[in-house]
């Protein structure tokens, strides 16, 4: 396989150079997976616009979806990045590990979201009626469901890109789950 490199700023289009500059200003660095997207003249800008779009989900809820989906898709890069972001949004190490299994027993509403996110991902958009009923009973709406599907789609794209390219992980490596694949 031809290795997929992480391009430097001077190896990408002018528009992507501006995005690199913005990311470096906001984050202090350009994450490798974002940089890899800059092989395309349009993908990085399109992705960031999609990722940063308005949603009914809180930042914490989005991170929960990101963690569940990244675990289900076996993306070590996104598991690692979203472990850092999950902590920044108030989750403990123990909560993050539980979320990655597809549950959140510490909060009934987040548990319903975790279980639905897991089923949407694992069953390719065909969650059980039970998971949907729990989601709605927890206070989420039809609009929330649409926003969850969009959040899942966002993370699936990045999971697949990393799983194909195996770009080096530039975040602290997330721990492996002891019972990998043991979803509830």
N, C-alpha and C. Protein backbone atom coordinates (compact mmCIF):
# COMPACT_ATOMS: atom_id res chain seq x y z
N UNK A 1 0.84 -1.19 0.00
CA UNK A 1 0.00 0.00 0.00
C UNK A 1 0.88 1.24 0.00
N UNK A 2 0.49 2.23 -0.76
CA UNK A 2 1.20 3.51 -0.78
C UNK A 2 0.88 4.24 0.50
N UNK A 3 1.92 4.62 1.28
CA UNK A 3 1.64 5.34 2.53
C UNK A 3 0.92 6.67 2.28
N UNK A 4 0.04 7.00 3.18
CA UNK A 4 -0.71 8.25 3.10
C UNK A 4 -0.03 9.22 4.04
N UNK A 5 0.60 10.24 3.50
CA UNK A 5 1.38 11.15 4.32
C UNK A 5 0.54 12.29 4.90
N UNK A 6 1.11 12.93 5.88
CA UNK A 6 0.53 14.13 6.48
C UNK A 6 1.23 15.31 5.79
N UNK A 7 0.52 16.03 4.93
CA UNK A 7 1.19 17.12 4.21
C UNK A 7 1.52 18.30 5.13
N UNK A 8 2.62 18.94 4.83
CA UNK A 8 3.00 20.17 5.53
C UNK A 8 2.23 21.34 4.91
N UNK A 9 2.23 22.45 5.60
CA UNK A 9 1.50 23.63 5.15
C UNK A 9 1.87 24.02 3.72
N UNK A 10 3.16 23.98 3.39
CA UNK A 10 3.59 24.41 2.05
C UNK A 10 3.28 23.39 0.95
N UNK A 11 2.69 22.26 1.32
CA UNK A 11 2.34 21.22 0.35
C UNK A 11 0.85 21.20 0.03
N UNK A 12 0.09 22.15 0.58
CA UNK A 12 -1.36 22.16 0.36
C UNK A 12 -1.76 23.45 -0.36
N UNK A 13 -2.98 23.48 -0.85
CA UNK A 13 -3.49 24.65 -1.58
C UNK A 13 -3.52 25.89 -0.69
N UNK A 14 -3.59 27.03 -1.31
CA UNK A 14 -3.64 28.29 -0.59
C UNK A 14 -4.84 28.34 0.37
N UNK A 15 -5.98 27.85 -0.08
CA UNK A 15 -7.16 27.86 0.80
C UNK A 15 -6.94 26.95 2.01
N UNK A 16 -6.30 25.80 1.80
CA UNK A 16 -6.01 24.91 2.92
C UNK A 16 -4.93 25.50 3.82
N UNK A 17 -4.00 26.26 3.28
CA UNK A 17 -3.00 26.93 4.11
C UNK A 17 -3.67 27.89 5.08
N UNK A 18 -4.69 28.61 4.61
CA UNK A 18 -5.42 29.53 5.49
C UNK A 18 -6.14 28.75 6.59
N UNK A 19 -6.70 27.59 6.25
CA UNK A 19 -7.36 26.75 7.25
C UNK A 19 -6.34 26.24 8.26
N UNK A 20 -5.18 25.82 7.78
CA UNK A 20 -4.11 25.37 8.68
C UNK A 20 -3.77 26.49 9.67
N UNK A 21 -3.65 27.72 9.15
CA UNK A 21 -3.31 28.86 10.01
C UNK A 21 -4.39 29.07 11.07
N UNK A 22 -5.66 28.97 10.67
CA UNK A 22 -6.77 29.13 11.62
C UNK A 22 -6.76 28.03 12.68
N UNK A 23 -6.53 26.80 12.25
CA UNK A 23 -6.48 25.68 13.19
C UNK A 23 -5.32 25.84 14.17
N UNK A 24 -4.18 26.24 13.65
CA UNK A 24 -3.02 26.42 14.52
C UNK A 24 -3.29 27.52 15.54
N UNK A 25 -3.96 28.60 15.11
CA UNK A 25 -4.31 29.67 16.04
C UNK A 25 -5.30 29.23 17.10
N UNK A 26 -6.29 28.41 16.70
CA UNK A 26 -7.34 27.98 17.63
C UNK A 26 -6.90 26.82 18.52
N UNK A 27 -6.18 25.86 17.96
CA UNK A 27 -5.84 24.64 18.69
C UNK A 27 -4.38 24.57 19.12
N UNK A 28 -3.54 25.40 18.49
CA UNK A 28 -2.11 25.34 18.76
C UNK A 28 -1.38 24.41 17.82
N UNK A 29 -2.11 23.63 17.04
CA UNK A 29 -1.52 22.73 16.05
C UNK A 29 -2.59 22.31 15.05
N UNK A 30 -2.16 21.70 13.96
CA UNK A 30 -3.09 21.17 12.98
C UNK A 30 -3.12 19.65 13.19
N UNK A 31 -4.24 19.10 13.69
CA UNK A 31 -4.31 17.65 13.88
C UNK A 31 -3.99 16.91 12.57
N UNK A 32 -3.24 15.83 12.70
CA UNK A 32 -2.80 15.08 11.52
C UNK A 32 -3.93 14.65 10.60
N UNK A 33 -5.06 14.25 11.17
CA UNK A 33 -6.15 13.78 10.32
C UNK A 33 -6.75 14.94 9.53
N UNK A 34 -6.82 16.12 10.13
CA UNK A 34 -7.27 17.30 9.38
C UNK A 34 -6.27 17.61 8.27
N UNK A 35 -4.99 17.55 8.59
CA UNK A 35 -3.97 17.84 7.58
C UNK A 35 -4.08 16.85 6.43
N UNK A 36 -4.33 15.59 6.73
CA UNK A 36 -4.46 14.58 5.67
C UNK A 36 -5.61 14.91 4.74
N UNK A 37 -6.67 15.51 5.28
CA UNK A 37 -7.80 15.89 4.44
C UNK A 37 -7.41 16.94 3.41
N UNK A 38 -6.34 17.68 3.69
CA UNK A 38 -5.91 18.77 2.81
C UNK A 38 -5.28 18.26 1.51
N UNK A 39 -5.16 16.94 1.35
CA UNK A 39 -4.78 16.40 0.04
C UNK A 39 -5.84 16.79 -0.99
N UNK A 40 -7.05 16.96 -0.53
CA UNK A 40 -8.14 17.47 -1.36
C UNK A 40 -8.19 18.98 -1.18
N UNK A 41 -8.40 19.70 -2.25
CA UNK A 41 -8.49 21.16 -2.16
C UNK A 41 -9.75 21.63 -1.45
N UNK A 42 -10.76 20.76 -1.34
CA UNK A 42 -12.06 21.18 -0.79
C UNK A 42 -12.52 20.43 0.44
N UNK A 43 -12.04 19.23 0.67
CA UNK A 43 -12.59 18.37 1.73
C UNK A 43 -12.45 18.97 3.13
N UNK A 44 -11.29 19.52 3.45
CA UNK A 44 -11.08 20.04 4.80
C UNK A 44 -12.03 21.18 5.11
N UNK A 45 -12.15 22.14 4.21
CA UNK A 45 -13.07 23.26 4.43
C UNK A 45 -14.51 22.80 4.51
N UNK A 46 -14.90 21.89 3.62
CA UNK A 46 -16.27 21.37 3.65
C UNK A 46 -16.54 20.62 4.95
N UNK A 47 -15.57 19.82 5.38
CA UNK A 47 -15.75 19.05 6.60
C UNK A 47 -15.88 19.96 7.82
N UNK A 48 -14.99 20.93 7.94
CA UNK A 48 -15.03 21.82 9.10
C UNK A 48 -16.33 22.61 9.15
N UNK A 49 -16.83 23.00 7.99
CA UNK A 49 -18.12 23.71 7.96
C UNK A 49 -19.24 22.78 8.45
N UNK A 50 -19.22 21.54 8.01
CA UNK A 50 -20.22 20.56 8.45
C UNK A 50 -20.07 20.28 9.94
N UNK A 51 -18.85 20.03 10.39
CA UNK A 51 -18.59 19.69 11.78
C UNK A 51 -19.00 20.82 12.73
N UNK A 52 -18.80 22.04 12.32
CA UNK A 52 -19.08 23.19 13.17
C UNK A 52 -20.47 23.77 12.95
N UNK A 53 -21.31 23.08 12.20
CA UNK A 53 -22.67 23.55 11.96
C UNK A 53 -23.50 23.54 13.24
N UNK A 54 -24.58 24.28 13.22
CA UNK A 54 -25.47 24.34 14.39
C UNK A 54 -26.14 22.99 14.60
N UNK A 55 -26.41 22.68 15.87
CA UNK A 55 -27.05 21.43 16.25
C UNK A 55 -27.78 21.64 17.57
N UNK A 56 -28.77 20.80 17.82
CA UNK A 56 -29.48 20.84 19.10
C UNK A 56 -28.69 20.12 20.19
N UNK A 57 -27.67 19.37 19.81
CA UNK A 57 -26.87 18.63 20.78
C UNK A 57 -25.86 19.54 21.46
N UNK A 58 -25.68 19.34 22.75
CA UNK A 58 -24.65 20.08 23.48
C UNK A 58 -23.28 19.54 23.08
N UNK A 59 -22.24 20.27 23.43
CA UNK A 59 -20.88 19.80 23.15
C UNK A 59 -20.63 18.46 23.83
N UNK A 60 -21.12 18.32 25.04
CA UNK A 60 -20.95 17.07 25.79
C UNK A 60 -21.67 15.92 25.07
N UNK A 61 -22.88 16.17 24.60
CA UNK A 61 -23.62 15.13 23.87
C UNK A 61 -22.90 14.77 22.56
N UNK A 62 -22.38 15.77 21.86
CA UNK A 62 -21.64 15.49 20.63
C UNK A 62 -20.41 14.63 20.92
N UNK A 63 -19.71 14.94 22.00
CA UNK A 63 -18.52 14.13 22.34
C UNK A 63 -18.92 12.70 22.69
N UNK A 64 -20.05 12.53 23.35
CA UNK A 64 -20.54 11.20 23.64
C UNK A 64 -20.76 10.43 22.33
N UNK A 65 -21.44 11.05 21.38
CA UNK A 65 -21.67 10.39 20.09
C UNK A 65 -20.33 10.07 19.42
N UNK A 66 -19.39 11.02 19.45
CA UNK A 66 -18.08 10.81 18.83
C UNK A 66 -17.36 9.61 19.44
N UNK A 67 -17.43 9.49 20.76
CA UNK A 67 -16.75 8.38 21.44
C UNK A 67 -17.40 7.03 21.11
N UNK A 68 -18.72 6.99 21.13
CA UNK A 68 -19.44 5.73 20.83
C UNK A 68 -19.15 5.29 19.40
N UNK A 69 -19.29 6.20 18.46
CA UNK A 69 -19.11 5.86 17.04
C UNK A 69 -17.66 5.46 16.76
N UNK A 70 -16.71 6.19 17.32
CA UNK A 70 -15.30 5.88 17.08
C UNK A 70 -14.91 4.52 17.64
N UNK A 71 -15.50 4.15 18.76
CA UNK A 71 -15.25 2.81 19.32
C UNK A 71 -15.84 1.75 18.41
N UNK A 72 -17.08 1.93 18.02
CA UNK A 72 -17.75 0.94 17.18
C UNK A 72 -17.01 0.75 15.86
N UNK A 73 -16.45 1.83 15.32
CA UNK A 73 -15.74 1.75 14.04
C UNK A 73 -14.26 1.43 14.20
N UNK A 74 -13.79 1.23 15.43
CA UNK A 74 -12.41 0.85 15.66
C UNK A 74 -11.39 1.89 15.23
N UNK A 75 -11.72 3.16 15.39
CA UNK A 75 -10.81 4.23 14.98
C UNK A 75 -10.00 4.72 16.17
N UNK A 76 -8.77 4.28 16.28
CA UNK A 76 -7.91 4.67 17.40
C UNK A 76 -7.62 6.17 17.40
N UNK A 77 -7.48 6.77 16.23
CA UNK A 77 -7.23 8.21 16.16
C UNK A 77 -8.37 8.98 16.83
N UNK A 78 -9.59 8.70 16.40
CA UNK A 78 -10.74 9.43 16.92
C UNK A 78 -11.05 9.06 18.37
N UNK A 79 -10.81 7.81 18.77
CA UNK A 79 -10.95 7.45 20.18
C UNK A 79 -10.02 8.32 21.02
N UNK A 80 -8.80 8.50 20.55
CA UNK A 80 -7.79 9.28 21.28
C UNK A 80 -8.15 10.76 21.31
N UNK A 81 -8.48 11.33 20.15
CA UNK A 81 -8.83 12.75 20.08
C UNK A 81 -10.05 13.05 20.94
N UNK A 82 -11.06 12.19 20.87
CA UNK A 82 -12.30 12.47 21.59
C UNK A 82 -12.24 12.09 23.06
N UNK A 83 -11.25 11.31 23.46
CA UNK A 83 -11.00 11.13 24.89
C UNK A 83 -10.53 12.45 25.48
N UNK A 84 -9.61 13.13 24.78
CA UNK A 84 -9.14 14.46 25.22
C UNK A 84 -10.30 15.44 25.26
N UNK A 85 -11.08 15.48 24.17
CA UNK A 85 -12.19 16.43 24.09
C UNK A 85 -13.31 16.08 25.08
N UNK A 86 -13.52 14.79 25.30
CA UNK A 86 -14.52 14.37 26.29
C UNK A 86 -14.16 14.87 27.68
N UNK A 87 -12.88 14.77 28.04
CA UNK A 87 -12.43 15.28 29.34
C UNK A 87 -12.62 16.79 29.41
N UNK A 88 -12.33 17.48 28.31
CA UNK A 88 -12.50 18.94 28.27
C UNK A 88 -13.96 19.33 28.44
N UNK A 89 -14.87 18.42 28.10
CA UNK A 89 -16.30 18.68 28.21
C UNK A 89 -16.93 18.05 29.44
N UNK A 90 -16.09 17.64 30.41
CA UNK A 90 -16.61 17.25 31.71
C UNK A 90 -16.74 15.78 32.01
N UNK A 91 -16.35 14.90 31.09
CA UNK A 91 -16.42 13.47 31.38
C UNK A 91 -15.16 13.03 32.12
N UNK A 92 -15.32 12.10 33.05
CA UNK A 92 -14.17 11.51 33.75
C UNK A 92 -13.60 10.38 32.88
N UNK A 93 -12.40 9.92 33.23
CA UNK A 93 -11.80 8.79 32.52
C UNK A 93 -12.71 7.57 32.55
N UNK A 94 -13.30 7.29 33.71
CA UNK A 94 -14.17 6.13 33.85
C UNK A 94 -15.43 6.27 33.00
N UNK A 95 -15.99 7.48 32.97
CA UNK A 95 -17.19 7.72 32.16
C UNK A 95 -16.87 7.54 30.68
N UNK A 96 -15.72 8.03 30.25
CA UNK A 96 -15.33 7.90 28.84
C UNK A 96 -15.23 6.43 28.44
N UNK A 97 -14.61 5.63 29.29
CA UNK A 97 -14.49 4.20 28.99
C UNK A 97 -15.87 3.55 28.89
N UNK A 98 -16.77 3.92 29.81
CA UNK A 98 -18.13 3.35 29.74
C UNK A 98 -18.85 3.82 28.48
N UNK A 99 -18.74 5.09 28.16
CA UNK A 99 -19.39 5.62 26.96
C UNK A 99 -18.93 4.85 25.72
N UNK A 100 -17.66 4.56 25.66
CA UNK A 100 -17.14 3.83 24.49
C UNK A 100 -17.77 2.45 24.35
N UNK A 101 -18.32 1.89 25.43
CA UNK A 101 -19.01 0.60 25.33
C UNK A 101 -20.45 0.75 24.86
N UNK A 102 -20.91 1.99 24.73
CA UNK A 102 -22.27 2.22 24.25
C UNK A 102 -23.29 2.44 25.34
N UNK A 103 -22.83 2.82 26.53
CA UNK A 103 -23.77 3.14 27.61
C UNK A 103 -23.20 4.26 28.48
N UNK A 104 -24.07 4.83 29.29
CA UNK A 104 -23.68 5.91 30.21
C UNK A 104 -24.57 5.80 31.44
N UNK A 105 -24.34 4.79 32.24
CA UNK A 105 -25.21 4.50 33.39
C UNK A 105 -25.25 5.64 34.41
N UNK A 106 -24.29 6.54 34.36
CA UNK A 106 -24.21 7.66 35.30
C UNK A 106 -25.21 8.77 34.99
N UNK A 107 -25.91 8.70 33.84
CA UNK A 107 -26.87 9.74 33.46
C UNK A 107 -27.91 9.11 32.52
N UNK A 108 -29.18 9.01 32.96
CA UNK A 108 -30.19 8.33 32.14
C UNK A 108 -30.38 8.93 30.74
N UNK A 109 -30.33 10.25 30.63
CA UNK A 109 -30.51 10.87 29.31
C UNK A 109 -29.33 10.56 28.40
N UNK A 110 -28.12 10.69 28.93
CA UNK A 110 -26.94 10.38 28.13
C UNK A 110 -26.87 8.88 27.81
N UNK A 111 -27.38 8.05 28.71
CA UNK A 111 -27.42 6.61 28.45
C UNK A 111 -28.30 6.31 27.23
N UNK A 112 -29.45 6.95 27.17
CA UNK A 112 -30.34 6.75 26.02
C UNK A 112 -29.65 7.20 24.73
N UNK A 113 -28.92 8.31 24.79
CA UNK A 113 -28.19 8.81 23.63
C UNK A 113 -27.06 7.85 23.25
N UNK A 114 -26.32 7.35 24.22
CA UNK A 114 -25.21 6.43 23.94
C UNK A 114 -25.73 5.15 23.29
N UNK A 115 -26.80 4.60 23.86
CA UNK A 115 -27.34 3.35 23.33
C UNK A 115 -27.87 3.52 21.91
N UNK A 116 -28.55 4.64 21.66
CA UNK A 116 -29.05 4.89 20.31
C UNK A 116 -27.89 5.11 19.34
N UNK A 117 -26.90 5.89 19.74
CA UNK A 117 -25.74 6.15 18.86
C UNK A 117 -25.03 4.85 18.51
N UNK A 118 -24.90 3.98 19.51
CA UNK A 118 -24.28 2.68 19.25
C UNK A 118 -25.09 1.88 18.24
N UNK A 119 -26.40 1.82 18.44
CA UNK A 119 -27.23 1.01 17.54
C UNK A 119 -27.27 1.61 16.13
N UNK A 120 -27.32 2.93 16.03
CA UNK A 120 -27.32 3.55 14.69
C UNK A 120 -26.06 3.14 13.94
N UNK A 121 -24.93 3.16 14.64
CA UNK A 121 -23.65 2.82 14.01
C UNK A 121 -23.52 1.32 13.76
N UNK A 122 -23.78 0.53 14.77
CA UNK A 122 -23.60 -0.92 14.66
C UNK A 122 -24.56 -1.55 13.66
N UNK A 123 -25.78 -1.02 13.59
CA UNK A 123 -26.80 -1.63 12.74
C UNK A 123 -27.08 -0.81 11.49
N UNK A 124 -26.09 0.05 11.13
CA UNK A 124 -26.13 0.82 9.88
C UNK A 124 -27.44 1.57 9.67
N UNK A 125 -27.79 2.35 10.68
CA UNK A 125 -28.97 3.19 10.55
C UNK A 125 -30.29 2.49 10.85
N UNK A 126 -30.22 1.33 11.49
CA UNK A 126 -31.44 0.59 11.81
C UNK A 126 -31.50 0.27 13.30
N UNK A 127 -31.63 1.32 14.14
CA UNK A 127 -31.70 1.05 15.58
C UNK A 127 -33.02 0.37 15.94
N UNK A 128 -33.02 -0.27 17.10
CA UNK A 128 -34.22 -0.95 17.57
C UNK A 128 -35.29 0.07 17.98
N UNK A 129 -36.53 -0.39 17.98
CA UNK A 129 -37.62 0.46 18.47
C UNK A 129 -37.41 0.79 19.94
N UNK A 130 -36.83 -0.15 20.69
CA UNK A 130 -36.56 0.07 22.11
C UNK A 130 -35.58 1.23 22.30
N UNK A 131 -34.51 1.25 21.52
CA UNK A 131 -33.52 2.33 21.64
C UNK A 131 -34.14 3.67 21.26
N UNK A 132 -34.96 3.69 20.23
CA UNK A 132 -35.64 4.93 19.84
C UNK A 132 -36.63 5.38 20.91
N UNK A 133 -37.39 4.45 21.46
CA UNK A 133 -38.37 4.79 22.50
C UNK A 133 -37.67 5.37 23.73
N UNK A 134 -36.56 4.76 24.14
CA UNK A 134 -35.79 5.28 25.28
C UNK A 134 -35.27 6.68 25.01
N UNK A 135 -34.80 6.89 23.80
CA UNK A 135 -34.27 8.19 23.37
C UNK A 135 -35.35 9.27 23.51
N UNK A 136 -36.53 8.99 22.98
CA UNK A 136 -37.62 9.97 23.07
C UNK A 136 -38.11 10.12 24.52
N UNK A 137 -38.18 9.03 25.26
CA UNK A 137 -38.61 9.09 26.66
C UNK A 137 -37.64 9.90 27.52
N UNK A 138 -36.38 9.97 27.09
CA UNK A 138 -35.36 10.73 27.82
C UNK A 138 -35.48 12.24 27.56
N UNK A 139 -36.39 12.62 26.66
CA UNK A 139 -36.60 14.04 26.40
C UNK A 139 -36.09 14.53 25.06
N UNK A 140 -35.54 13.66 24.28
CA UNK A 140 -35.07 14.06 22.95
C UNK A 140 -36.25 14.13 21.99
N UNK A 141 -36.08 14.86 20.90
CA UNK A 141 -37.14 15.09 19.92
C UNK A 141 -36.77 14.48 18.57
N UNK A 142 -37.68 14.59 17.63
CA UNK A 142 -37.40 14.17 16.26
C UNK A 142 -36.24 14.98 15.69
N UNK A 143 -36.19 16.27 16.02
CA UNK A 143 -35.07 17.11 15.58
C UNK A 143 -33.76 16.63 16.17
N UNK A 144 -33.81 16.20 17.44
CA UNK A 144 -32.61 15.65 18.08
C UNK A 144 -32.13 14.41 17.34
N UNK A 145 -33.08 13.56 16.92
CA UNK A 145 -32.72 12.35 16.20
C UNK A 145 -31.98 12.70 14.91
N UNK A 146 -32.48 13.68 14.19
CA UNK A 146 -31.81 14.11 12.96
C UNK A 146 -30.40 14.59 13.28
N UNK A 147 -30.25 15.37 14.35
CA UNK A 147 -28.93 15.88 14.73
C UNK A 147 -27.99 14.75 15.15
N UNK A 148 -28.51 13.72 15.79
CA UNK A 148 -27.68 12.56 16.16
C UNK A 148 -27.19 11.86 14.89
N UNK A 149 -28.08 11.66 13.95
CA UNK A 149 -27.68 11.00 12.69
C UNK A 149 -26.60 11.83 11.99
N UNK A 150 -26.73 13.13 12.00
CA UNK A 150 -25.71 13.98 11.38
C UNK A 150 -24.38 13.87 12.13
N UNK A 151 -24.42 13.80 13.46
CA UNK A 151 -23.20 13.65 14.26
C UNK A 151 -22.55 12.29 13.99
N UNK A 152 -23.35 11.26 13.86
CA UNK A 152 -22.82 9.93 13.53
C UNK A 152 -22.14 9.98 12.15
N UNK A 153 -22.80 10.61 11.18
CA UNK A 153 -22.23 10.71 9.84
C UNK A 153 -20.90 11.44 9.85
N UNK A 154 -20.82 12.53 10.60
CA UNK A 154 -19.57 13.29 10.74
C UNK A 154 -18.46 12.35 11.21
N UNK A 155 -18.73 11.60 12.27
CA UNK A 155 -17.68 10.78 12.86
C UNK A 155 -17.36 9.57 12.00
N UNK A 156 -18.35 8.99 11.34
CA UNK A 156 -18.08 7.86 10.44
C UNK A 156 -17.09 8.28 9.35
N UNK A 157 -17.28 9.46 8.78
CA UNK A 157 -16.38 9.92 7.72
C UNK A 157 -14.94 9.98 8.23
N UNK A 158 -14.74 10.55 9.40
CA UNK A 158 -13.38 10.67 9.94
C UNK A 158 -12.83 9.30 10.36
N UNK A 159 -13.68 8.46 10.95
CA UNK A 159 -13.24 7.10 11.32
C UNK A 159 -12.75 6.34 10.09
N UNK A 160 -13.53 6.40 9.03
CA UNK A 160 -13.17 5.68 7.81
C UNK A 160 -11.89 6.23 7.21
N UNK A 161 -11.76 7.56 7.21
CA UNK A 161 -10.55 8.16 6.64
C UNK A 161 -9.32 7.68 7.41
N UNK A 162 -9.40 7.69 8.74
CA UNK A 162 -8.24 7.22 9.49
C UNK A 162 -8.01 5.72 9.33
N UNK A 163 -9.07 4.95 9.35
CA UNK A 163 -8.92 3.50 9.23
C UNK A 163 -8.27 3.12 7.89
N UNK A 164 -8.53 3.90 6.85
CA UNK A 164 -7.93 3.65 5.54
C UNK A 164 -6.49 4.15 5.49
N UNK A 165 -6.26 5.37 5.99
CA UNK A 165 -4.94 6.02 5.83
C UNK A 165 -3.94 5.67 6.92
N UNK A 166 -4.42 5.34 8.11
CA UNK A 166 -3.55 5.07 9.26
C UNK A 166 -2.57 6.21 9.54
N UNK A 167 -3.06 7.44 9.39
CA UNK A 167 -2.28 8.63 9.71
C UNK A 167 -1.82 8.52 11.17
N UNK A 168 -0.58 8.92 11.49
CA UNK A 168 -0.10 8.85 12.89
C UNK A 168 -1.01 9.63 13.85
N UNK A 169 -1.24 9.02 15.01
CA UNK A 169 -2.08 9.63 16.04
C UNK A 169 -1.25 10.66 16.79
N UNK A 170 -1.74 11.90 16.81
CA UNK A 170 -1.01 12.98 17.47
C UNK A 170 -1.73 13.50 18.72
N UNK A 171 -2.45 12.61 19.37
CA UNK A 171 -3.10 12.86 20.66
C UNK A 171 -2.61 11.77 21.60
N UNK A 172 -2.72 11.97 22.92
CA UNK A 172 -2.40 10.87 23.84
C UNK A 172 -3.28 9.67 23.49
N UNK A 173 -2.66 8.51 23.37
CA UNK A 173 -3.37 7.32 22.93
C UNK A 173 -4.44 6.90 23.95
N UNK A 174 -5.66 6.75 23.48
CA UNK A 174 -6.75 6.30 24.35
C UNK A 174 -6.49 4.87 24.77
N UNK A 175 -6.86 4.52 26.00
CA UNK A 175 -6.66 3.14 26.44
C UNK A 175 -7.54 2.18 25.64
N UNK A 176 -7.03 0.97 25.49
CA UNK A 176 -7.84 -0.09 24.87
C UNK A 176 -8.92 -0.47 25.88
N UNK A 177 -10.07 -0.87 25.38
CA UNK A 177 -11.10 -1.37 26.28
C UNK A 177 -10.75 -2.81 26.64
N UNK A 178 -10.92 -3.13 27.90
CA UNK A 178 -10.60 -4.49 28.38
C UNK A 178 -11.52 -5.50 27.71
N UNK A 179 -12.79 -5.17 27.65
CA UNK A 179 -13.76 -6.07 27.01
C UNK A 179 -14.13 -5.48 25.66
N UNK A 180 -13.13 -5.36 24.78
CA UNK A 180 -13.36 -4.78 23.46
C UNK A 180 -14.50 -5.50 22.76
N UNK A 181 -15.39 -4.73 22.20
CA UNK A 181 -16.52 -5.29 21.48
C UNK A 181 -17.67 -5.71 22.37
N UNK A 182 -17.53 -5.53 23.67
CA UNK A 182 -18.60 -5.92 24.60
C UNK A 182 -19.57 -4.78 24.77
N UNK A 183 -20.50 -4.67 23.86
CA UNK A 183 -21.49 -3.59 23.91
C UNK A 183 -22.73 -4.06 24.64
N UNK A 184 -23.39 -3.11 25.27
CA UNK A 184 -24.60 -3.44 26.02
C UNK A 184 -25.83 -3.19 25.17
